[in-house]
Amino acid sequence: MTGRAATAKAVTVKVVLSTGTSLSHTGGEKEFEVEARNLRGVIKAMDARFPGLGVYLEEETTVAIDGQIHETAYFQRLGEGAEVYFLPKIEAG
């Protein structure tokens, strides 16, 4: 028997980057639609479009999926039409 994650189909999700991230990595483009099964797939898709962006998203941002902030959510399944926001990490001093 196969697991649900193995049979999950890619869905179309909306990706939104912060202004700073978009200016430094995508020429100012902030919103995208990508096909992915999970957050890891979103990051890979964004890195394929903009080489080097994936590492930045993994190391320098926090992610909110449908309004909920996730610390580590690489394999979080995404629903059709999910909204994935990459936000700058806030560091305390």
PDB file of N, CA and C in Angstrom:
ATOM      1  N   MET A   1       0.853  -1.187   0.000  1.00  0.00           N
ATOM      2  CA  MET A   1       0.000   0.000   0.000  1.00  0.00           C
ATOM      3  C   MET A   1       0.890   1.239   0.000  1.00  0.00           C
ATOM      4  N   THR A   2       0.560   2.206  -0.830  1.00  0.00           N
ATOM      5  CA  THR A   2       1.356   3.430  -0.896  1.00  0.00           C
ATOM      6  C   THR A   2       0.769   4.485   0.007  1.00  0.00           C
ATOM      7  N   GLY A   3       1.625   5.386   0.486  1.00  0.00           N
ATOM      8  CA  GLY A   3       1.170   6.455   1.368  1.00  0.00           C
ATOM      9  C   GLY A   3       0.501   7.570   0.592  1.00  0.00           C
ATOM     10  N   ARG A   4      -0.243   8.381   1.296  1.00  0.00           N
ATOM     11  CA  ARG A   4      -0.927   9.507   0.656  1.00  0.00           C
ATOM     12  C   ARG A   4       0.048  10.489   0.035  1.00  0.00           C
ATOM     13  N   ALA A   5       1.163  10.759   0.734  1.00  0.00           N
ATOM     14  CA  ALA A   5       2.136  11.714   0.220  1.00  0.00           C
ATOM     15  C   ALA A   5       2.695  11.245  -1.117  1.00  0.00           C
ATOM     16  N   ALA A   6       2.853   9.931  -1.291  1.00  0.00           N
ATOM     17  CA  ALA A   6       3.401   9.401  -2.524  1.00  0.00           C
ATOM     18  C   ALA A   6       2.421   9.573  -3.679  1.00  0.00           C
ATOM     19  N   THR A   7       1.133   9.612  -3.399  1.00  0.00           N
ATOM     20  CA  THR A   7       0.142   9.717  -4.458  1.00  0.00           C
ATOM     21  C   THR A   7      -0.431  11.125  -4.603  1.00  0.00           C
ATOM     22  N   ALA A   8       0.018  12.057  -3.769  1.00  0.00           N
ATOM     23  CA  ALA A   8      -0.496  13.422  -3.842  1.00  0.00           C
ATOM     24  C   ALA A   8      -0.136  14.029  -5.190  1.00  0.00           C
ATOM     25  N   LYS A   9      -1.111  14.664  -5.816  1.00  0.00           N
ATOM     26  CA  LYS A   9      -0.890  15.300  -7.104  1.00  0.00           C
ATOM     27  C   LYS A   9      -0.464  16.741  -6.897  1.00  0.00           C
ATOM     28  N   ALA A  10       0.329  17.216  -7.831  1.00  0.00           N
ATOM     29  CA  ALA A  10       0.722  18.622  -7.784  1.00  0.00           C
ATOM     30  C   ALA A  10      -0.517  19.482  -8.015  1.00  0.00           C
ATOM     31  N   VAL A  11      -0.561  20.610  -7.321  1.00  0.00           N
ATOM     32  CA  VAL A  11      -1.664  21.548  -7.449  1.00  0.00           C
ATOM     33  C   VAL A  11      -1.090  22.921  -7.795  1.00  0.00           C
ATOM     34  N   THR A  12      -1.937  23.799  -8.276  1.00  0.00           N
ATOM     35  CA  THR A  12      -1.515  25.157  -8.567  1.00  0.00           C
ATOM     36  C   THR A  12      -1.673  26.000  -7.318  1.00  0.00           C
ATOM     37  N   VAL A  13      -0.588  26.673  -6.926  1.00  0.00           N
ATOM     38  CA  VAL A  13      -0.616  27.530  -5.750  1.00  0.00           C
ATOM     39  C   VAL A  13      -0.122  28.921  -6.125  1.00  0.00           C
ATOM     40  N   LYS A  14      -0.555  29.888  -5.336  1.00  0.00           N
ATOM     41  CA  LYS A  14      -0.109  31.270  -5.514  1.00  0.00           C
ATOM     42  C   LYS A  14       1.064  31.506  -4.568  1.00  0.00           C
ATOM     43  N   VAL A  15       2.147  32.053  -5.096  1.00  0.00           N
ATOM     44  CA  VAL A  15       3.329  32.373  -4.306  1.00  0.00           C
ATOM     45  C   VAL A  15       3.499  33.882  -4.286  1.00  0.00           C
ATOM     46  N   VAL A  16       3.707  34.434  -3.090  1.00  0.00           N
ATOM     47  CA  VAL A  16       3.902  35.874  -2.949  1.00  0.00           C
ATOM     48  C   VAL A  16       5.210  36.110  -2.196  1.00  0.00           C
ATOM     49  N   LEU A  17       6.050  36.970  -2.771  1.00  0.00           N
ATOM     50  CA  LEU A  17       7.319  37.341  -2.156  1.00  0.00           C
ATOM     51  C   LEU A  17       7.219  38.745  -1.583  1.00  0.00           C
ATOM     52  N   SER A  18       8.036  39.021  -0.573  1.00  0.00           N
ATOM     53  CA  SER A  18       8.099  40.378  -0.026  1.00  0.00           C
ATOM     54  C   SER A  18       8.737  41.297  -1.061  1.00  0.00           C
ATOM     55  N   THR A  19       8.538  42.587  -0.898  1.00  0.00           N
ATOM     56  CA  THR A  19       9.089  43.563  -1.838  1.00  0.00           C
ATOM     57  C   THR A  19      10.601  43.458  -1.914  1.00  0.00           C
ATOM     58  N   GLY A  20      11.274  43.372  -0.771  1.00  0.00           N
ATOM     59  CA  GLY A  20      12.734  43.277  -0.766  1.00  0.00           C
ATOM     60  C   GLY A  20      13.235  42.051  -1.495  1.00  0.00           C
ATOM     61  N   THR A  21      12.600  40.916  -1.260  1.00  0.00           N
ATOM     62  CA  THR A  21      12.997  39.681  -1.928  1.00  0.00           C
ATOM     63  C   THR A  21      12.765  39.790  -3.425  1.00  0.00           C
ATOM     64  N   SER A  22      11.634  40.339  -3.815  1.00  0.00           N
ATOM     65  CA  SER A  22      11.341  40.442  -5.242  1.00  0.00           C
ATOM     66  C   SER A  22      12.305  41.396  -5.939  1.00  0.00           C
ATOM     67  N   LEU A  23      12.653  42.488  -5.294  1.00  0.00           N
ATOM     68  CA  LEU A  23      13.583  43.444  -5.910  1.00  0.00           C
ATOM     69  C   LEU A  23      14.969  42.842  -6.088  1.00  0.00           C
ATOM     70  N   SER A  24      15.418  42.052  -5.124  1.00  0.00           N
ATOM     71  CA  SER A  24      16.769  41.511  -5.199  1.00  0.00           C
ATOM     72  C   SER A  24      16.885  40.199  -5.981  1.00  0.00           C
ATOM     73  N   HIS A  25      15.766  39.498  -6.219  1.00  0.00           N
ATOM     74  CA  HIS A  25      15.860  38.176  -6.850  1.00  0.00           C
ATOM     75  C   HIS A  25      15.021  37.981  -8.111  1.00  0.00           C
ATOM     76  N   THR A  26      13.970  38.759  -8.306  1.00  0.00           N
ATOM     77  CA  THR A  26      13.072  38.486  -9.445  1.00  0.00           C
ATOM     78  C   THR A  26      12.827  39.711 -10.310  1.00  0.00           C
ATOM     79  N   GLY A  27      13.628  40.751 -10.126  1.00  0.00           N
ATOM     80  CA  GLY A  27      13.424  41.959 -10.914  1.00  0.00           C
ATOM     81  C   GLY A  27      12.171  42.713 -10.520  1.00  0.00           C
ATOM     82  N   GLY A  28      11.688  42.494  -9.319  1.00  0.00           N
ATOM     83  CA  GLY A  28      10.516  43.207  -8.819  1.00  0.00           C
ATOM     84  C   GLY A  28       9.206  42.458  -8.947  1.00  0.00           C
ATOM     85  N   GLU A  29       9.200  41.317  -9.617  1.00  0.00           N
ATOM     86  CA  GLU A  29       7.974  40.518  -9.734  1.00  0.00           C
ATOM     87  C   GLU A  29       7.695  39.868  -8.388  1.00  0.00           C
ATOM     88  N   LYS A  30       6.468  40.024  -7.882  1.00  0.00           N
ATOM     89  CA  LYS A  30       6.141  39.564  -6.525  1.00  0.00           C
ATOM     90  C   LYS A  30       5.204  38.371  -6.461  1.00  0.00           C
ATOM     91  N   GLU A  31       4.362  38.164  -7.454  1.00  0.00           N
ATOM     92  CA  GLU A  31       3.355  37.099  -7.384  1.00  0.00           C
ATOM     93  C   GLU A  31       3.534  36.116  -8.530  1.00  0.00           C
ATOM     94  N   PHE A  32       3.387  34.847  -8.196  1.00  0.00           N
ATOM     95  CA  PHE A  32       3.599  33.770  -9.155  1.00  0.00           C
ATOM     96  C   PHE A  32       2.583  32.664  -8.926  1.00  0.00           C
ATOM     97  N   GLU A  33       2.366  31.854  -9.935  1.00  0.00           N
ATOM     98  CA  GLU A  33       1.618  30.611  -9.787  1.00  0.00           C
ATOM     99  C   GLU A  33       2.575  29.488 -10.133  1.00  0.00           C
ATOM    100  N   VAL A  34       2.645  28.478  -9.267  1.00  0.00           N
ATOM    101  CA  VAL A  34       3.499  27.324  -9.520  1.00  0.00           C
ATOM    102  C   VAL A  34       2.722  26.047  -9.247  1.00  0.00           C
ATOM    103  N   GLU A  35       3.199  24.967  -9.836  1.00  0.00           N
ATOM    104  CA  GLU A  35       2.638  23.640  -9.600  1.00  0.00           C
ATOM    105  C   GLU A  35       3.540  22.934  -8.596  1.00  0.00           C
ATOM    106  N   ALA A  36       2.974  22.441  -7.503  1.00  0.00           N
ATOM    107  CA  ALA A  36       3.768  21.737  -6.491  1.00  0.00           C
ATOM    108  C   ALA A  36       2.861  20.884  -5.622  1.00  0.00           C
ATOM    109  N   ARG A  37       3.459  19.897  -4.983  1.00  0.00           N
ATOM    110  CA  ARG A  37       2.735  19.041  -4.035  1.00  0.00           C
ATOM    111  C   ARG A  37       2.857  19.579  -2.613  1.00  0.00           C
ATOM    112  N   ASN A  38       4.032  20.198  -2.332  1.00  0.00           N
ATOM    113  CA  ASN A  38       4.332  20.639  -0.973  1.00  0.00           C
ATOM    114  C   ASN A  38       5.239  21.863  -1.041  1.00  0.00           C
ATOM    115  N   LEU A  39       5.602  22.386   0.116  1.00  0.00           N
ATOM    116  CA  LEU A  39       6.425  23.592   0.167  1.00  0.00           C
ATOM    117  C   LEU A  39       7.777  23.370  -0.496  1.00  0.00           C
ATOM    118  N   ARG A  40       8.356  22.216  -0.303  1.00  0.00           N
ATOM    119  CA  ARG A  40       9.645  21.912  -0.937  1.00  0.00           C
ATOM    120  C   ARG A  40       9.526  22.036  -2.446  1.00  0.00           C
ATOM    121  N   GLY A  41       8.429  21.579  -3.004  1.00  0.00           N
ATOM    122  CA  GLY A  41       8.201  21.704  -4.440  1.00  0.00           C
ATOM    123  C   GLY A  41       8.071  23.150  -4.882  1.00  0.00           C
ATOM    124  N   VAL A  42       7.452  23.974  -4.047  1.00  0.00           N
ATOM    125  CA  VAL A  42       7.334  25.408  -4.346  1.00  0.00           C
ATOM    126  C   VAL A  42       8.717  26.035  -4.409  1.00  0.00           C
ATOM    127  N   ILE A  43       9.551  25.732  -3.418  1.00  0.00           N
ATOM    128  CA  ILE A  43      10.897  26.295  -3.381  1.00  0.00           C
ATOM    129  C   ILE A  43      11.701  25.849  -4.597  1.00  0.00           C
ATOM    130  N   LYS A  44      11.587  24.586  -4.961  1.00  0.00           N
ATOM    131  CA  LYS A  44      12.301  24.076  -6.139  1.00  0.00           C
ATOM    132  C   LYS A  44      11.811  24.757  -7.415  1.00  0.00           C
ATOM    133  N   ALA A  45      10.511  24.962  -7.531  1.00  0.00           N
ATOM    134  CA  ALA A  45       9.958  25.626  -8.717  1.00  0.00           C
ATOM    135  C   ALA A  45      10.440  27.072  -8.813  1.00  0.00           C
ATOM    136  N   MET A  46      10.483  27.760  -7.680  1.00  0.00           N
ATOM    137  CA  MET A  46      10.956  29.145  -7.684  1.00  0.00           C
ATOM    138  C   MET A  46      12.445  29.205  -8.002  1.00  0.00           C
ATOM    139  N   ASP A  47      13.212  28.252  -7.507  1.00  0.00           N
ATOM    140  CA  ASP A  47      14.637  28.217  -7.803  1.00  0.00           C
ATOM    141  C   ASP A  47      14.894  27.908  -9.277  1.00  0.00           C
ATOM    142  N   ALA A  48      14.036  27.094  -9.881  1.00  0.00           N
ATOM    143  CA  ALA A  48      14.182  26.799 -11.308  1.00  0.00           C
ATOM    144  C   ALA A  48      13.954  28.061 -12.146  1.00  0.00           C
ATOM    145  N   ARG A  49      13.029  28.899 -11.719  1.00  0.00           N
ATOM    146  CA  ARG A  49      12.759  30.156 -12.441  1.00  0.00           C
ATOM    147  C   ARG A  49      13.844  31.191 -12.190  1.00  0.00           C
ATOM    148  N   PHE A  50      14.318  31.236 -10.954  1.00  0.00           N
ATOM    149  CA  PHE A  50      15.287  32.246 -10.533  1.00  0.00           C
ATOM    150  C   PHE A  50      16.410  31.547  -9.762  1.00  0.00           C
ATOM    151  N   PRO A  51      17.428  31.057 -10.463  1.00  0.00           N
ATOM    152  CA  PRO A  51      18.504  30.311  -9.813  1.00  0.00           C
ATOM    153  C   PRO A  51      19.095  31.079  -8.621  1.00  0.00           C
ATOM    154  N   GLY A  52      19.216  30.365  -7.507  1.00  0.00           N
ATOM    155  CA  GLY A  52      19.728  30.942  -6.273  1.00  0.00           C
ATOM    156  C   GLY A  52      18.632  31.384  -5.320  1.00  0.00           C
ATOM    157  N   LEU A  53      17.434  31.589  -5.831  1.00  0.00           N
ATOM    158  CA  LEU A  53      16.333  32.034  -4.977  1.00  0.00           C
ATOM    159  C   LEU A  53      15.947  30.973  -3.958  1.00  0.00           C
ATOM    160  N   GLY A  54      16.025  29.708  -4.329  1.00  0.00           N
ATOM    161  CA  GLY A  54      15.631  28.631  -3.415  1.00  0.00           C
ATOM    162  C   GLY A  54      16.422  28.651  -2.120  1.00  0.00           C
ATOM    163  N   VAL A  55      17.728  28.809  -2.217  1.00  0.00           N
ATOM    164  CA  VAL A  55      18.571  28.857  -1.018  1.00  0.00           C
ATOM    165  C   VAL A  55      18.171  30.053  -0.163  1.00  0.00           C
ATOM    166  N   TYR A  56      17.944  31.191  -0.798  1.00  0.00           N
ATOM    167  CA  TYR A  56      17.533  32.382  -0.058  1.00  0.00           C
ATOM    168  C   TYR A  56      16.216  32.127   0.674  1.00  0.00           C
ATOM    169  N   LEU A  57      15.232  31.550  -0.019  1.00  0.00           N
ATOM    170  CA  LEU A  57      13.934  31.292   0.609  1.00  0.00           C
ATOM    171  C   LEU A  57      14.069  30.355   1.800  1.00  0.00           C
ATOM    172  N   GLU A  58      14.909  29.336   1.672  1.00  0.00           N
ATOM    173  CA  GLU A  58      15.103  28.380   2.768  1.00  0.00           C
ATOM    174  C   GLU A  58      15.792  29.010   3.970  1.00  0.00           C
ATOM    175  N   GLU A  59      16.772  29.860   3.728  1.00  0.00           N
ATOM    176  CA  GLU A  59      17.605  30.369   4.819  1.00  0.00           C
ATOM    177  C   GLU A  59      17.166  31.712   5.386  1.00  0.00           C
ATOM    178  N   GLU A  60      16.511  32.526   4.591  1.00  0.00           N
ATOM    179  CA  GLU A  60      16.271  33.909   5.000  1.00  0.00           C
ATOM    180  C   GLU A  60      14.803  34.295   5.159  1.00  0.00           C
ATOM    181  N   THR A  61      13.896  33.343   4.955  1.00  0.00           N
ATOM    182  CA  THR A  61      12.479  33.699   5.043  1.00  0.00           C
ATOM    183  C   THR A  61      11.714  32.754   5.965  1.00  0.00           C
ATOM    184  N   THR A  62      10.577  33.235   6.388  1.00  0.00           N
ATOM    185  CA  THR A  62       9.572  32.453   7.097  1.00  0.00           C
ATOM    186  C   THR A  62       8.421  32.292   6.124  1.00  0.00           C
ATOM    187  N   VAL A  63       7.699  31.200   6.209  1.00  0.00           N
ATOM    188  CA  VAL A  63       6.618  30.970   5.255  1.00  0.00           C
ATOM    189  C   VAL A  63       5.266  30.950   5.959  1.00  0.00           C
ATOM    190  N   ALA A  64       4.290  31.549   5.296  1.00  0.00           N
ATOM    191  CA  ALA A  64       2.903  31.475   5.752  1.00  0.00           C
ATOM    192  C   ALA A  64       2.110  30.778   4.647  1.00  0.00           C
ATOM    193  N   ILE A  65       1.407  29.728   5.019  1.00  0.00           N
ATOM    194  CA  ILE A  65       0.575  28.988   4.073  1.00  0.00           C
ATOM    195  C   ILE A  65      -0.872  29.202   4.479  1.00  0.00           C
ATOM    196  N   ASP A  66      -1.631  29.814   3.594  1.00  0.00           N
ATOM    197  CA  ASP A  66      -3.038  30.129   3.860  1.00  0.00           C
ATOM    198  C   ASP A  66      -3.213  30.846   5.204  1.00  0.00           C
ATOM    199  N   GLY A  67      -2.289  31.788   5.469  1.00  0.00           N
ATOM    200  CA  GLY A  67      -2.402  32.628   6.652  1.00  0.00           C
ATOM    201  C   GLY A  67      -1.790  32.070   7.924  1.00  0.00           C
ATOM    202  N   GLN A  68      -1.268  30.855   7.898  1.00  0.00           N
ATOM    203  CA  GLN A  68      -0.648  30.259   9.085  1.00  0.00           C
ATOM    204  C   GLN A  68       0.860  30.194   8.893  1.00  0.00           C
ATOM    205  N   ILE A  69       1.598  30.756   9.843  1.00  0.00           N
ATOM    206  CA  ILE A  69       3.056  30.748   9.764  1.00  0.00           C
ATOM    207  C   ILE A  69       3.573  29.374  10.160  1.00  0.00           C
ATOM    208  N   HIS A  70       4.534  28.882   9.367  1.00  0.00           N
ATOM    209  CA  HIS A  70       5.140  27.568   9.601  1.00  0.00           C
ATOM    210  C   HIS A  70       6.639  27.732   9.762  1.00  0.00           C
ATOM    211  N   GLU A  71       7.191  27.113  10.799  1.00  0.00           N
ATOM    212  CA  GLU A  71       8.643  27.154  11.022  1.00  0.00           C
ATOM    213  C   GLU A  71       9.344  26.225  10.040  1.00  0.00           C
ATOM    214  N   THR A  72       8.950  24.986  10.019  1.00  0.00           N
ATOM    215  CA  THR A  72       9.495  24.018   9.062  1.00  0.00           C
ATOM    216  C   THR A  72       8.317  23.271   8.462  1.00  0.00           C
ATOM    217  N   ALA A  73       8.129  23.457   7.205  1.00  0.00           N
ATOM    218  CA  ALA A  73       6.946  22.872   6.565  1.00  0.00           C
ATOM    219  C   ALA A  73       7.268  22.309   5.183  1.00  0.00           C
ATOM    220  N   TYR A  74       8.493  21.826   4.984  1.00  0.00           N
ATOM    221  CA  TYR A  74       8.892  21.372   3.648  1.00  0.00           C
ATOM    222  C   TYR A  74       7.931  20.378   3.024  1.00  0.00           C
ATOM    223  N   PHE A  75       7.389  19.486   3.815  1.00  0.00           N
ATOM    224  CA  PHE A  75       6.540  18.448   3.254  1.00  0.00           C
ATOM    225  C   PHE A  75       5.063  18.663   3.564  1.00  0.00           C
ATOM    226  N   GLN A  76       4.725  19.878   3.973  1.00  0.00           N
ATOM    227  CA  GLN A  76       3.333  20.272   4.205  1.00  0.00           C
ATOM    228  C   GLN A  76       2.590  20.179   2.874  1.00  0.00           C
ATOM    229  N   ARG A  77       1.561  19.331   2.824  1.00  0.00           N
ATOM    230  CA  ARG A  77       0.768  19.225   1.594  1.00  0.00           C
ATOM    231  C   ARG A  77       0.036  20.524   1.350  1.00  0.00           C
ATOM    232  N   LEU A  78      -0.103  20.864   0.098  1.00  0.00           N
ATOM    233  CA  LEU A  78      -0.774  22.091  -0.297  1.00  0.00           C
ATOM    234  C   LEU A  78      -2.063  21.768  -1.022  1.00  0.00           C
ATOM    235  N   GLY A  79      -3.093  22.544  -0.754  1.00  0.00           N
ATOM    236  CA  GLY A  79      -4.358  22.374  -1.446  1.00  0.00           C
ATOM    237  C   GLY A  79      -4.410  23.248  -2.694  1.00  0.00           C
ATOM    238  N   GLU A  80      -5.242  22.886  -3.616  1.00  0.00           N
ATOM    239  CA  GLU A  80      -5.435  23.675  -4.839  1.00  0.00           C
ATOM    240  C   GLU A  80      -5.753  25.119  -4.460  1.00  0.00           C
ATOM    241  N   GLY A  81      -5.016  26.055  -5.047  1.00  0.00           N
ATOM    242  CA  GLY A  81      -5.254  27.472  -4.801  1.00  0.00           C
ATOM    243  C   GLY A  81      -4.663  28.002  -3.506  1.00  0.00           C
ATOM    244  N   ALA A  82      -3.865  27.192  -2.809  1.00  0.00           N
ATOM    245  CA  ALA A  82      -3.235  27.650  -1.558  1.00  0.00           C
ATOM    246  C   ALA A  82      -2.410  28.907  -1.834  1.00  0.00           C
ATOM    247  N   GLU A  83      -2.296  29.745  -0.818  1.00  0.00           N
ATOM    248  CA  GLU A  83      -1.476  30.950  -0.916  1.00  0.00           C
ATOM    249  C   GLU A  83      -0.257  30.759  -0.028  1.00  0.00           C
ATOM    250  N   VAL A  84       0.914  30.888  -0.641  1.00  0.00           N
ATOM    251  CA  VAL A  84       2.180  30.689   0.050  1.00  0.00           C
ATOM    252  C   VAL A  84       2.934  32.018   0.033  1.00  0.00           C
ATOM    253  N   TYR A  85       3.111  32.594   1.207  1.00  0.00           N
ATOM    254  CA  TYR A  85       3.817  33.870   1.349  1.00  0.00           C
ATOM    255  C   TYR A  85       5.172  33.624   1.976  1.00  0.00           C
ATOM    256  N   PHE A  86       6.215  34.182   1.355  1.00  0.00           N
ATOM    257  CA  PHE A  86       7.557  34.138   1.925  1.00  0.00           C
ATOM    258  C   PHE A  86       7.847  35.502   2.523  1.00  0.00           C
ATOM    259  N   LEU A  87       8.093  35.530   3.836  1.00  0.00           N
ATOM    260  CA  LEU A  87       8.280  36.757   4.582  1.00  0.00           C
ATOM    261  C   LEU A  87       9.694  36.817   5.143  1.00  0.00           C
ATOM    262  N   PRO A  88      10.286  38.011   5.235  1.00  0.00           N
ATOM    263  CA  PRO A  88      11.623  38.097   5.829  1.00  0.00           C
ATOM    264  C   PRO A  88      11.590  37.614   7.269  1.00  0.00           C
ATOM    265  N   LYS A  89      12.633  36.875   7.669  1.00  0.00           N
ATOM    266  CA  LYS A  89      12.729  36.438   9.071  1.00  0.00           C
ATOM    267  C   LYS A  89      12.934  37.650   9.948  1.00  0.00           C
ATOM    268  N   ILE A  90      12.330  37.618  11.110  1.00  0.00           N
ATOM    269  CA  ILE A  90      12.513  38.681  12.088  1.00  0.00           C
ATOM    270  C   ILE A  90      13.461  38.134  13.140  1.00  0.00           C
ATOM    271  N   GLU A  91      14.580  38.828  13.317  1.00  0.00           N
ATOM    272  CA  GLU A  91      15.560  38.373  14.278  1.00  0.00           C
ATOM    273  C   GLU A  91      15.536  39.266  15.504  1.00  0.00           C
ATOM    274  N   ALA A  92      15.557  38.626  16.650  1.00  0.00           N
ATOM    275  CA  ALA A  92      15.595  39.379  17.909  1.00  0.00           C
ATOM    276  C   ALA A  92      17.042  39.608  18.315  1.00  0.00           C
ATOM    277  N   GLY A  93      17.294  40.704  18.978  1.00  0.00           N
ATOM    278  CA  GLY A  93      18.670  41.018  19.335  1.00  0.00           C
ATOM    279  C   GLY A  93      18.919  41.048  20.744  1.00  0.00           C
TER     280      GLY A  93
END
